[in-house]
Amino acid sequence: MILPTAPRHGDRRRRLTLRLGRWLTGIGMATGGLACAQSSTDALVVRPAQVKLGLERVDLRGGERMGLFGMSYLVDMGQGFSLGPAGYGAVSGQRGGLFTIGGEAAWQRRLVGPLTLDLGFYAGGGGGGSASLGSGLMLRPHADLLWDFGPFLAGLSWSQVRFADTDVRSNQLGLVLSAKSRFRYVPRERIGMRSDIGGRTGMGFDRIHAVVGGYQPRSGSKRMSGGALDSEIVIVGTRVERAIDDHAYWGIEAAGAAGGGVGGYAEYLGTIGTETTVWPGVLTLGGRLALGMGGGGDVDTGGGMLMKAGAYGTVRLSRELGLTLEGGYTKAPQGSFRAVHAAASLNWILDDPSDLTAPPRNTRTEWVGGIERYDAQRRDGSRRPLQAVTLKANRFVTPHLYLTGQAHSAAGGGAGGYTAGLVGAGVQAKVFGPVHVGAEALIGAAGGGGVSTEGGAIAQPSAYVGVDLGRSLALRMSAGKIKALRGGALDATTLELSLAFTFGVAGHGYR
């Protein structure tokens, strides 16, 4: 059952479990390449990987049931063990807007023939969906029985979902689909060197969008509190896409509210689309459909399922950059939320393997995971410590300058449901030996968990010092500020400890 408050005091074993869970959420992404970094000195390191999708129904308090959808990207670390980032969110029931992000560790072994056993443990931070989730730390051990069909595995999962600081403990069966992939990258010491690599590297995305847009709710859209939802909602987010052929593509998008009085609203969707060039090198037209999870921030999305359709045009600003304008319609089929949406995005071509015009090179990339802490202003007027999981992806555009996209979700401090999505730029430079320093300037959207963000828009500058631990890993400590841009409610000094995994991916047009 879910959501009542647990006793304040636990035994030593329980506290240790919570600490380990928080660290797993923070380092899942960064350490997904630890074994990879040690496994080869060749120009290209190739490791098996899996994109894993799951669906299950969690029993909540009072007979309430919630559909929970999960997705993880797991990189093989050897001997059947894998590790990587993961996330879960509500897609049915009454908890639309419940999300967690974190890390998952798994061990997989072939039993007999194609029958495969998969044992794993997930820990992540988040919450939402008008649910009282304590600190926001979600723990999910699981055992999956899968049939290997060659390119993918499918089967049944048994899992237990628990939220720290509550008496949530729900056991259930679910469905699992795991698509096989490969994680291909260049070791850090070969970044910037010329070598011949064909096809995609890294997670294999061809382009990324930085998105700013808005929803204009239609008549009948309501807040979870029952009132009318009639004010425009400002959205900021990001979308990554991968080509299927010359016209079709698929992708993943994430966004959050930065204005409109619905701080804490967030959405995570998969998208598929098609486009065609009508003026070579200048104009492309297309359309796309998206399906996924959305809610929080007092927006009535019912169980959390969200559907989106849009048409767009892209004007090329250069060979690698374009400006996209999109219009469309968004709908929560299980709730009252309906809206016309409009968005503008700056899109950047990353690793298009079909473009032979660019010079061969590889690009430095970082996955960073950690834990941050600061004293957060709450809506009840108090000011209390908050601990959050941080997951970051950095891509360098020069040897010292990089662009970054980040997700931060509460995993401690009684702020379950608090999530922040941030984008920005950073600089980094060597000081001496294994020591380096850096700084970041970030903007984005945040809310939920009783944290006072006054509409959702926040800024977060920081500086850090790091020390290399090996060929590809570095330990970093940073300090900075986080501030709500409207009303000054959230204004605090941040401290963060993180682990960074550095690798190279093929640059634009690199074959």
Protein backbone atom coordinates (compact mmCIF):
# COMPACT_ATOMS: atom_id res chain seq x y z
CA MET A 1 0.00 0.00 0.00
CA ILE A 2 1.13 3.57 -0.56
CA LEU A 3 1.55 6.96 0.94
CA PRO A 4 1.11 7.13 4.73
CA THR A 5 4.01 8.54 6.73
CA ALA A 6 6.43 6.06 8.30
CA PRO A 7 7.99 6.38 11.75
CA ARG A 8 10.75 8.96 12.03
CA HIS A 9 13.34 6.55 13.42
CA GLY A 10 14.71 3.43 11.70
CA ASP A 11 17.38 0.94 12.53
CA ARG A 12 20.98 1.07 11.33
CA ARG A 13 20.40 -1.38 8.46
CA ARG A 14 17.52 0.75 7.10
CA ARG A 15 19.58 3.94 7.20
CA LEU A 16 22.44 2.21 5.38
CA THR A 17 20.01 0.97 2.72
CA LEU A 18 18.74 4.52 2.14
CA ARG A 19 22.27 5.90 1.81
CA LEU A 20 23.22 3.20 -0.69
CA GLY A 21 20.01 3.84 -2.60
CA ARG A 22 20.72 7.55 -2.91
CA TRP A 23 24.24 6.92 -4.17
CA LEU A 24 23.01 4.40 -6.75
CA THR A 25 20.56 6.97 -8.09
CA GLY A 26 23.34 9.51 -8.47
CA ILE A 27 26.06 7.37 -10.03
CA GLY A 28 24.00 5.03 -12.23
CA MET A 29 24.61 7.09 -15.34
CA ALA A 30 28.23 7.94 -14.63
CA THR A 31 29.40 4.45 -13.76
CA GLY A 32 27.59 2.77 -16.66
CA GLY A 33 30.89 3.05 -18.50
CA LEU A 34 33.28 2.09 -15.70
CA ALA A 35 34.04 -1.40 -16.98
CA CYS A 36 34.01 -0.12 -20.54
CA ALA A 37 36.70 2.41 -19.68
CA GLN A 38 38.97 -0.35 -18.42
CA SER A 39 38.24 -2.94 -21.12
CA SER A 40 40.11 -1.77 -24.20
CA THR A 41 42.89 0.44 -25.48
CA ASP A 42 41.65 0.31 -29.09
CA ALA A 43 40.37 3.32 -31.00
CA LEU A 44 36.79 2.19 -30.48
CA VAL A 45 35.34 0.44 -27.43
CA VAL A 46 32.13 -1.52 -28.05
CA ARG A 47 30.01 -2.87 -25.19
CA PRO A 48 26.61 -4.60 -25.28
CA ALA A 49 23.71 -2.48 -24.03
CA GLN A 50 19.95 -2.83 -23.60
CA VAL A 51 17.04 -0.38 -23.71
CA LYS A 52 14.56 -1.85 -21.25
CA LEU A 53 10.84 -0.97 -21.02
CA GLY A 54 8.45 -2.19 -18.34
CA LEU A 55 4.80 -1.82 -17.37
CA GLU A 56 3.15 -2.87 -14.10
CA ARG A 57 0.24 -1.99 -11.78
CA VAL A 58 1.15 -0.89 -8.27
CA ASP A 59 -1.40 -1.31 -5.45
CA LEU A 60 -1.91 1.91 -3.53
CA ARG A 61 -3.63 2.71 -0.27
CA GLY A 62 -7.39 2.17 -0.07
CA GLY A 63 -7.58 -0.13 -3.09
CA GLU A 64 -6.21 2.48 -5.49
CA ARG A 65 -4.08 1.10 -8.33
CA MET A 66 -1.53 2.96 -10.45
CA GLY A 67 -0.03 1.97 -13.78
CA LEU A 68 3.75 2.44 -13.59
CA PHE A 69 5.91 2.65 -16.72
CA GLY A 70 9.69 2.30 -16.56
CA MET A 71 12.60 2.77 -18.95
CA SER A 72 16.31 2.11 -18.44
CA TYR A 73 19.51 2.13 -20.53
CA LEU A 74 21.88 -0.53 -19.21
CA VAL A 75 25.51 -0.98 -20.32
CA ASP A 76 27.18 -4.37 -19.88
CA MET A 77 30.03 -4.19 -17.35
CA GLY A 78 31.10 -7.82 -17.75
CA GLN A 79 30.23 -11.14 -16.07
CA GLY A 80 26.53 -10.52 -16.67
CA PHE A 81 26.42 -7.27 -14.68
CA SER A 82 25.08 -4.02 -16.16
CA LEU A 83 24.46 -0.50 -14.89
CA GLY A 84 22.87 2.69 -16.19
CA PRO A 85 20.26 5.45 -15.85
CA ALA A 86 16.56 4.67 -15.40
CA GLY A 87 13.24 6.33 -14.68
CA TYR A 88 9.65 5.45 -13.74
CA GLY A 89 6.35 7.32 -14.02
CA ALA A 90 2.58 6.97 -13.66
CA VAL A 91 0.53 6.26 -16.81
CA SER A 92 -2.84 5.23 -15.33
CA GLY A 93 -4.84 5.65 -12.13
CA GLN A 94 -5.07 8.97 -10.29
CA ARG A 95 -1.40 9.93 -9.86
CA GLY A 96 -0.53 11.71 -13.11
CA GLY A 97 2.73 13.57 -12.61
CA LEU A 98 4.43 10.97 -10.43
CA PHE A 99 8.00 10.52 -11.78
CA THR A 100 11.31 9.30 -10.45
CA ILE A 101 14.77 9.25 -12.07
CA GLY A 102 17.86 7.40 -10.92
CA GLY A 103 20.07 4.41 -11.60
CA GLU A 104 19.60 0.67 -12.03
CA ALA A 105 21.99 -2.24 -11.52
CA ALA A 106 21.20 -5.69 -12.97
CA TRP A 107 22.64 -9.18 -13.37
CA GLN A 108 21.53 -11.37 -16.29
CA ARG A 109 22.12 -15.08 -16.84
CA ARG A 110 20.91 -17.55 -19.51
CA LEU A 111 19.10 -20.45 -17.76
CA VAL A 112 18.29 -22.96 -20.50
CA GLY A 113 17.94 -22.35 -24.24
CA PRO A 114 16.61 -18.80 -24.76
CA LEU A 115 15.14 -18.60 -21.23
CA THR A 116 16.94 -15.82 -19.31
CA LEU A 117 16.89 -14.63 -15.69
CA ASP A 118 17.38 -10.92 -14.93
CA LEU A 119 17.82 -9.73 -11.31
CA GLY A 120 18.11 -6.02 -10.57
CA PHE A 121 17.72 -3.11 -8.21
CA TYR A 122 16.56 0.45 -9.00
CA ALA A 123 16.91 3.53 -6.80
CA GLY A 124 15.64 6.93 -7.86
CA GLY A 125 14.39 10.26 -6.59
CA GLY A 126 11.21 12.15 -7.41
CA GLY A 127 7.52 11.69 -6.63
CA GLY A 128 4.57 13.98 -7.35
CA GLY A 129 1.08 13.15 -8.53
CA SER A 130 -0.44 14.61 -5.32
CA ALA A 131 1.08 11.69 -3.42
CA SER A 132 2.78 11.98 -0.03
CA LEU A 133 6.07 10.24 -0.77
CA GLY A 134 8.27 11.36 2.11
CA SER A 135 11.82 12.01 0.94
CA GLY A 136 11.03 10.94 -2.64
CA LEU A 137 13.50 8.04 -2.71
CA MET A 138 12.00 5.06 -4.59
CA LEU A 139 13.52 1.57 -4.31
CA ARG A 140 12.55 -1.24 -6.68
CA PRO A 141 14.18 -4.69 -6.53
CA HIS A 142 13.01 -6.99 -9.32
CA ALA A 143 13.35 -10.47 -10.84
CA ASP A 144 12.52 -10.91 -14.56
CA LEU A 145 12.01 -14.12 -16.51
CA LEU A 146 12.69 -13.37 -20.17
CA TRP A 147 12.71 -15.17 -23.52
CA ASP A 148 15.54 -14.20 -25.86
CA PHE A 149 14.13 -13.61 -29.36
CA GLY A 150 17.46 -12.47 -30.83
CA PRO A 151 17.21 -8.70 -31.29
CA PHE A 152 15.13 -8.34 -28.13
CA LEU A 153 14.01 -10.10 -24.92
CA ALA A 154 10.47 -10.15 -23.55
CA GLY A 155 8.76 -11.68 -20.55
CA LEU A 156 7.38 -11.23 -17.06
CA SER A 157 8.70 -9.25 -14.11
CA TRP A 158 8.16 -9.55 -10.35
CA SER A 159 9.00 -6.39 -8.43
CA GLN A 160 8.55 -4.62 -5.12
CA VAL A 161 8.06 -0.84 -5.07
CA ARG A 162 8.98 1.01 -1.87
CA PHE A 163 9.26 4.71 -1.01
CA ALA A 164 11.64 5.66 1.80
CA ASP A 165 10.14 7.31 4.90
CA THR A 166 6.71 5.80 4.12
CA ASP A 167 5.22 2.36 4.64
CA VAL A 168 4.82 1.82 0.89
CA ARG A 169 5.54 -1.82 0.01
CA SER A 170 3.73 -3.05 -3.11
CA ASN A 171 4.50 -6.40 -4.79
CA GLN A 172 3.34 -6.95 -8.36
CA LEU A 173 3.83 -8.72 -11.69
CA GLY A 174 4.53 -6.78 -14.87
CA LEU A 175 5.55 -7.00 -18.52
CA VAL A 176 9.10 -6.37 -19.77
CA LEU A 177 10.57 -5.68 -23.23
CA SER A 178 14.33 -5.27 -23.62
CA ALA A 179 15.84 -4.26 -26.97
CA LYS A 180 19.50 -5.12 -27.56
CA SER A 181 21.88 -2.35 -28.58
CA ARG A 182 25.55 -1.42 -28.43
CA PHE A 183 27.34 1.39 -26.61
CA ARG A 184 30.27 2.46 -28.83
CA TYR A 185 32.73 5.13 -27.80
CA VAL A 186 36.28 6.44 -28.08
CA PRO A 187 38.46 6.33 -24.91
CA ARG A 188 39.24 9.71 -23.41
CA GLU A 189 42.93 9.64 -24.34
CA ARG A 190 42.01 9.40 -28.06
CA ILE A 191 39.53 12.29 -28.06
CA GLY A 192 40.54 14.74 -30.78
CA MET A 193 42.63 12.16 -32.66
CA ARG A 194 41.75 11.09 -36.19
CA SER A 195 40.50 7.51 -36.65
CA ASP A 196 38.08 5.74 -38.98
CA ILE A 197 34.79 4.82 -37.29
CA GLY A 198 31.58 3.97 -39.12
CA GLY A 199 28.05 4.45 -37.81
CA ARG A 200 26.70 5.98 -34.64
CA THR A 201 28.48 6.11 -31.27
CA GLY A 202 27.38 6.88 -27.72
CA MET A 203 23.64 6.44 -27.28
CA GLY A 204 23.23 6.97 -31.02
CA PHE A 205 21.16 10.16 -31.29
CA ASP A 206 21.53 12.27 -34.44
CA ARG A 207 20.25 15.62 -33.18
CA ILE A 208 19.11 17.48 -30.08
CA HIS A 209 16.58 20.29 -29.60
CA ALA A 210 16.51 22.99 -26.92
CA VAL A 211 12.80 23.82 -26.68
CA VAL A 212 10.83 26.81 -25.40
CA GLY A 213 7.07 26.80 -25.85
CA GLY A 214 3.66 27.22 -24.33
CA TYR A 215 0.32 25.52 -23.78
CA GLN A 216 -2.96 27.42 -24.14
CA PRO A 217 -5.46 25.23 -22.24
CA ARG A 218 -8.83 24.66 -23.91
CA SER A 219 -12.21 25.15 -22.28
CA GLY A 220 -12.89 22.44 -19.70
CA SER A 221 -9.26 21.96 -18.64
CA LYS A 222 -9.01 21.87 -14.86
CA ARG A 223 -6.56 21.91 -12.02
CA MET A 224 -6.20 18.94 -9.70
CA SER A 225 -7.61 21.21 -6.99
CA GLY A 226 -10.82 21.55 -9.05
CA GLY A 227 -10.53 25.07 -10.40
CA ALA A 228 -10.37 26.05 -14.06
CA LEU A 229 -6.99 25.87 -15.80
CA ASP A 230 -7.18 28.87 -18.10
CA SER A 231 -3.77 30.57 -17.97
CA GLU A 232 -1.00 29.98 -20.53
CA ILE A 233 1.70 27.54 -19.38
CA VAL A 234 5.32 28.27 -20.36
CA ILE A 235 7.37 25.14 -21.06
CA VAL A 236 11.13 24.61 -21.41
CA GLY A 237 12.75 21.30 -22.27
CA THR A 238 14.84 19.19 -24.60
CA ARG A 239 14.31 16.52 -27.27
CA VAL A 240 16.75 14.02 -28.79
CA GLU A 241 16.08 12.20 -32.09
CA ARG A 242 17.49 9.39 -34.20
CA ALA A 243 16.86 8.79 -37.91
CA ILE A 244 15.18 5.58 -39.10
CA ASP A 245 15.64 6.38 -42.81
CA ASP A 246 15.88 9.50 -44.98
CA HIS A 247 12.50 10.76 -43.72
CA ALA A 248 11.35 8.93 -40.56
CA TYR A 249 12.82 9.26 -37.05
CA TRP A 250 12.10 8.49 -33.38
CA GLY A 251 13.09 10.30 -30.23
CA ILE A 252 12.64 11.11 -26.54
CA GLU A 253 11.57 14.45 -25.04
CA ALA A 254 11.36 15.95 -21.56
CA ALA A 255 10.01 19.34 -20.46
CA GLY A 256 8.78 21.21 -17.40
CA ALA A 257 6.73 24.30 -16.54
CA ALA A 258 8.64 27.57 -16.17
CA GLY A 259 5.59 29.84 -15.93
CA GLY A 260 1.82 29.86 -15.67
CA GLY A 261 1.37 29.10 -11.98
CA VAL A 262 1.83 25.33 -12.36
CA GLY A 263 5.36 24.90 -11.01
CA GLY A 264 6.10 21.17 -10.77
CA TYR A 265 4.37 20.18 -14.01
CA ALA A 266 6.61 17.87 -16.09
CA GLU A 267 6.34 15.53 -19.06
CA TYR A 268 8.41 12.69 -20.51
CA LEU A 269 7.43 11.30 -23.92
CA GLY A 270 8.57 9.11 -26.79
CA THR A 271 8.05 10.59 -30.25
CA ILE A 272 7.98 9.38 -33.86
CA GLY A 273 7.82 11.59 -36.94
CA THR A 274 8.52 12.13 -40.60
CA GLU A 275 9.89 15.09 -42.53
CA THR A 276 10.95 16.12 -46.00
CA THR A 277 13.22 18.81 -47.40
CA VAL A 278 11.32 21.24 -49.62
CA TRP A 279 14.23 23.65 -50.15
CA PRO A 280 17.62 21.89 -49.93
CA GLY A 281 19.84 23.35 -47.26
CA VAL A 282 17.17 25.88 -46.25
CA LEU A 283 13.70 24.53 -45.32
CA THR A 284 12.33 21.21 -44.01
CA LEU A 285 8.69 20.44 -43.20
CA GLY A 286 7.45 17.61 -41.01
CA GLY A 287 5.00 16.22 -38.49
CA ARG A 288 5.27 14.07 -35.39
CA LEU A 289 3.28 12.18 -32.75
CA ALA A 290 4.29 11.74 -29.11
CA LEU A 291 3.04 9.50 -26.31
CA GLY A 292 4.17 9.32 -22.71
CA MET A 293 3.72 10.65 -19.18
CA GLY A 294 2.78 14.11 -17.93
CA GLY A 295 1.36 15.82 -14.86
CA GLY A 296 2.06 17.49 -11.54
CA GLY A 297 1.90 21.20 -10.78
CA ASP A 298 -1.88 21.14 -10.17
CA VAL A 299 -2.64 20.11 -13.79
CA ASP A 300 -5.36 17.46 -14.15
CA THR A 301 -3.86 14.73 -16.35
CA GLY A 302 -5.72 11.90 -14.61
CA GLY A 303 -3.53 8.80 -14.55
CA GLY A 304 -0.68 10.60 -16.29
CA MET A 305 -0.85 9.44 -19.92
CA LEU A 306 -0.18 12.28 -22.37
CA MET A 307 -0.61 12.44 -26.17
CA LYS A 308 0.73 15.10 -28.53
CA ALA A 309 0.53 15.79 -32.28
CA GLY A 310 2.35 18.57 -34.09
CA ALA A 311 3.42 19.98 -37.46
CA TYR A 312 6.61 21.98 -37.90
CA GLY A 313 9.02 23.73 -40.19
CA THR A 314 12.80 23.94 -39.79
CA VAL A 315 15.00 26.67 -41.26
CA ARG A 316 18.69 25.78 -41.48
CA LEU A 317 20.92 28.42 -39.89
CA SER A 318 24.10 26.51 -40.72
CA ARG A 319 25.12 22.97 -41.63
CA GLU A 320 24.76 21.93 -37.96
CA LEU A 321 22.14 24.33 -36.55
CA GLY A 322 18.48 24.94 -37.34
CA LEU A 323 15.47 26.83 -35.97
CA THR A 324 12.22 24.86 -35.70
CA LEU A 325 8.71 26.30 -35.19
CA GLU A 326 5.97 23.84 -34.22
CA GLY A 327 2.24 24.00 -33.57
CA GLY A 328 -0.11 21.27 -32.45
CA TYR A 329 -2.51 19.79 -29.94
CA THR A 330 -1.87 18.05 -26.60
CA LYS A 331 -4.30 15.85 -24.69
CA ALA A 332 -4.42 13.84 -21.45
CA PRO A 333 -6.92 11.07 -22.31
CA GLN A 334 -7.51 10.15 -18.65
CA GLY A 335 -7.84 13.73 -17.39
CA SER A 336 -9.37 17.06 -18.39
CA PHE A 337 -6.17 18.68 -19.72
CA ARG A 338 -6.48 19.73 -23.38
CA ALA A 339 -4.31 22.41 -24.96
CA VAL A 340 -3.08 23.96 -28.18
CA HIS A 341 0.69 24.14 -28.08
CA ALA A 342 3.30 26.23 -29.88
CA ALA A 343 7.06 25.86 -29.53
CA ALA A 344 10.36 27.11 -30.91
CA SER A 345 13.51 25.03 -30.72
CA LEU A 346 17.14 25.40 -31.66
CA ASN A 347 18.20 22.03 -33.07
CA TRP A 348 21.76 20.85 -33.39
CA ILE A 349 22.85 17.95 -35.62
CA LEU A 350 25.13 15.72 -33.56
CA ASP A 351 26.35 12.49 -35.15
CA ASP A 352 24.53 12.06 -38.47
CA PRO A 353 26.26 8.98 -39.97
CA SER A 354 24.93 9.68 -43.47
CA ASP A 355 26.66 13.05 -43.90
CA LEU A 356 30.01 12.66 -45.67
CA THR A 357 30.77 16.38 -45.94
CA ALA A 358 32.16 17.04 -42.47
CA PRO A 359 35.78 16.31 -41.52
CA PRO A 360 36.45 13.21 -39.40
CA ARG A 361 36.76 13.97 -35.69
CA ASN A 362 35.42 12.81 -32.37
CA THR A 363 33.73 14.86 -29.68
CA ARG A 364 34.25 14.79 -25.94
CA THR A 365 31.15 13.80 -23.97
CA GLU A 366 30.50 13.37 -20.24
CA TRP A 367 27.89 11.56 -18.17
CA VAL A 368 27.78 12.90 -14.63
CA GLY A 369 25.77 11.61 -11.66
CA GLY A 370 25.76 12.72 -8.05
CA ILE A 371 23.98 14.09 -5.00
CA GLU A 372 23.40 17.78 -4.20
CA ARG A 373 22.25 19.43 -0.98
CA TYR A 374 20.84 22.85 -0.11
CA ASP A 375 18.42 24.52 2.30
CA ALA A 376 15.18 24.87 0.32
CA GLN A 377 12.44 27.35 1.08
CA ARG A 378 9.12 25.50 1.51
CA ARG A 379 5.60 26.69 0.80
CA ASP A 380 4.71 26.40 4.48
CA GLY A 381 7.28 29.12 5.25
CA SER A 382 9.96 26.82 6.66
CA ARG A 383 13.48 26.41 5.32
CA ARG A 384 14.84 22.85 5.47
CA PRO A 385 17.68 20.81 3.94
CA LEU A 386 16.91 19.02 0.66
CA GLN A 387 18.96 16.27 -1.00
CA ALA A 388 18.53 15.66 -4.73
CA VAL A 389 19.81 13.17 -7.29
CA THR A 390 21.57 14.83 -10.24
CA LEU A 391 22.01 13.33 -13.72
CA LYS A 392 23.85 15.34 -16.39
CA ALA A 393 24.93 14.98 -20.02
CA ASN A 394 27.72 17.31 -21.20
CA ARG A 395 28.84 17.70 -24.81
CA PHE A 396 31.92 19.78 -25.63
CA VAL A 397 31.80 22.21 -28.56
CA THR A 398 35.43 23.32 -28.06
CA PRO A 399 38.23 21.77 -25.96
CA HIS A 400 37.02 23.83 -22.97
CA LEU A 401 33.39 24.89 -23.62
CA TYR A 402 30.44 22.48 -23.33
CA LEU A 403 26.65 22.45 -23.43
CA THR A 404 24.77 20.57 -20.71
CA GLY A 405 21.33 19.14 -19.99
CA GLN A 406 20.48 18.08 -16.44
CA ALA A 407 17.73 16.53 -14.30
CA HIS A 408 17.59 16.94 -10.51
CA SER A 409 15.04 15.06 -8.36
CA ALA A 410 14.52 15.00 -4.59
CA ALA A 411 15.71 11.90 -2.73
CA GLY A 412 15.81 13.30 0.81
CA GLY A 413 14.54 16.12 2.98
CA GLY A 414 10.80 15.41 2.88
CA ALA A 415 10.43 16.94 -0.60
CA GLY A 416 9.14 13.93 -2.55
CA GLY A 417 7.87 15.17 -5.90
CA TYR A 418 10.40 17.97 -6.36
CA THR A 419 12.08 17.85 -9.79
CA ALA A 420 14.18 20.32 -11.82
CA GLY A 421 15.14 20.26 -15.49
CA LEU A 422 18.05 22.51 -16.49
CA VAL A 423 20.00 23.45 -19.61
CA GLY A 424 23.04 25.67 -19.98
CA ALA A 425 26.73 25.95 -20.73
CA GLY A 426 29.95 25.26 -18.88
CA VAL A 427 33.70 25.72 -19.12
CA GLN A 428 36.40 23.34 -17.94
CA ALA A 429 40.20 23.44 -17.82
CA LYS A 430 43.11 21.43 -16.46
CA VAL A 431 45.01 22.99 -13.52
CA PHE A 432 47.81 20.49 -12.91
CA GLY A 433 48.22 16.72 -13.06
CA PRO A 434 44.85 15.02 -12.44
CA VAL A 435 43.14 18.20 -11.15
CA HIS A 436 40.70 20.27 -13.20
CA VAL A 437 38.26 23.10 -12.51
CA GLY A 438 35.04 24.23 -14.15
CA ALA A 439 31.96 26.44 -13.95
CA GLU A 440 28.37 26.19 -15.21
CA ALA A 441 25.50 28.62 -15.84
CA LEU A 442 22.08 26.92 -15.94
CA ILE A 443 18.45 27.93 -16.36
CA GLY A 444 15.36 25.76 -16.28
CA ALA A 445 12.15 24.79 -14.54
CA ALA A 446 11.54 23.27 -11.11
CA GLY A 447 8.70 22.58 -8.71
CA GLY A 448 6.74 20.11 -6.63
CA GLY A 449 7.45 18.55 -3.25
CA GLY A 450 6.31 21.62 -1.33
CA VAL A 451 9.35 23.64 -2.50
CA SER A 452 8.57 27.30 -3.18
CA THR A 453 9.71 28.04 -6.76
CA GLU A 454 7.10 30.74 -7.58
CA GLY A 455 6.00 29.60 -11.05
CA GLY A 456 8.89 27.24 -11.77
CA ALA A 457 11.63 29.25 -13.52
CA ILE A 458 15.02 28.92 -11.81
CA ALA A 459 18.70 29.74 -12.40
CA GLN A 460 21.63 27.77 -10.99
CA PRO A 461 25.25 28.91 -11.47
CA SER A 462 28.04 26.84 -9.92
CA ALA A 463 31.79 26.17 -9.90
CA TYR A 464 33.57 22.87 -9.30
CA VAL A 465 36.94 21.21 -8.80
CA GLY A 466 37.61 17.66 -9.93
CA VAL A 467 40.29 15.00 -9.72
CA ASP A 468 40.79 12.17 -12.21
CA LEU A 469 40.41 8.68 -10.73
CA GLY A 470 41.50 6.76 -13.84
CA ARG A 471 41.36 6.78 -17.62
CA SER A 472 37.75 7.96 -17.81
CA LEU A 473 36.42 8.64 -14.30
CA ALA A 474 36.67 11.81 -12.20
CA LEU A 475 35.37 12.80 -8.76
CA ARG A 476 34.01 16.37 -8.53
CA MET A 477 32.85 18.71 -5.78
CA SER A 478 30.90 21.84 -6.63
CA ALA A 479 29.32 24.83 -4.92
CA GLY A 480 26.87 27.34 -6.30
CA LYS A 481 23.49 29.05 -5.98
CA ILE A 482 19.94 28.08 -6.89
CA LYS A 483 17.35 30.85 -7.19
CA ALA A 484 13.74 31.17 -8.30
CA LEU A 485 13.52 33.88 -10.96
CA ARG A 486 10.11 35.11 -9.81
CA GLY A 487 9.44 36.21 -6.28
CA GLY A 488 12.76 35.13 -4.82
CA ALA A 489 11.20 32.31 -2.79
CA LEU A 490 13.93 29.71 -3.47
CA ASP A 491 17.38 31.20 -2.89
CA ALA A 492 20.05 28.90 -1.48
CA THR A 493 23.70 27.83 -1.62
CA THR A 494 24.21 24.39 -3.19
CA LEU A 495 26.84 21.72 -2.54
CA GLU A 496 27.28 18.66 -4.78
CA LEU A 497 29.45 15.55 -4.93
CA SER A 498 29.46 13.76 -8.28
CA LEU A 499 31.21 11.15 -10.43
CA ALA A 500 31.90 11.91 -14.12
CA PHE A 501 32.53 9.42 -16.92
CA THR A 502 34.29 10.97 -19.94
CA PHE A 503 34.30 9.42 -23.42
CA GLY A 504 34.43 10.39 -27.08
CA VAL A 505 31.71 10.01 -29.72
CA ALA A 506 31.94 10.38 -33.47
CA GLY A 507 31.46 13.96 -34.55
CA HIS A 508 29.01 15.23 -37.15
CA GLY A 509 29.41 13.34 -40.39
CA TYR A 510 32.14 11.14 -38.92
CA ARG A 511 32.38 7.78 -40.75
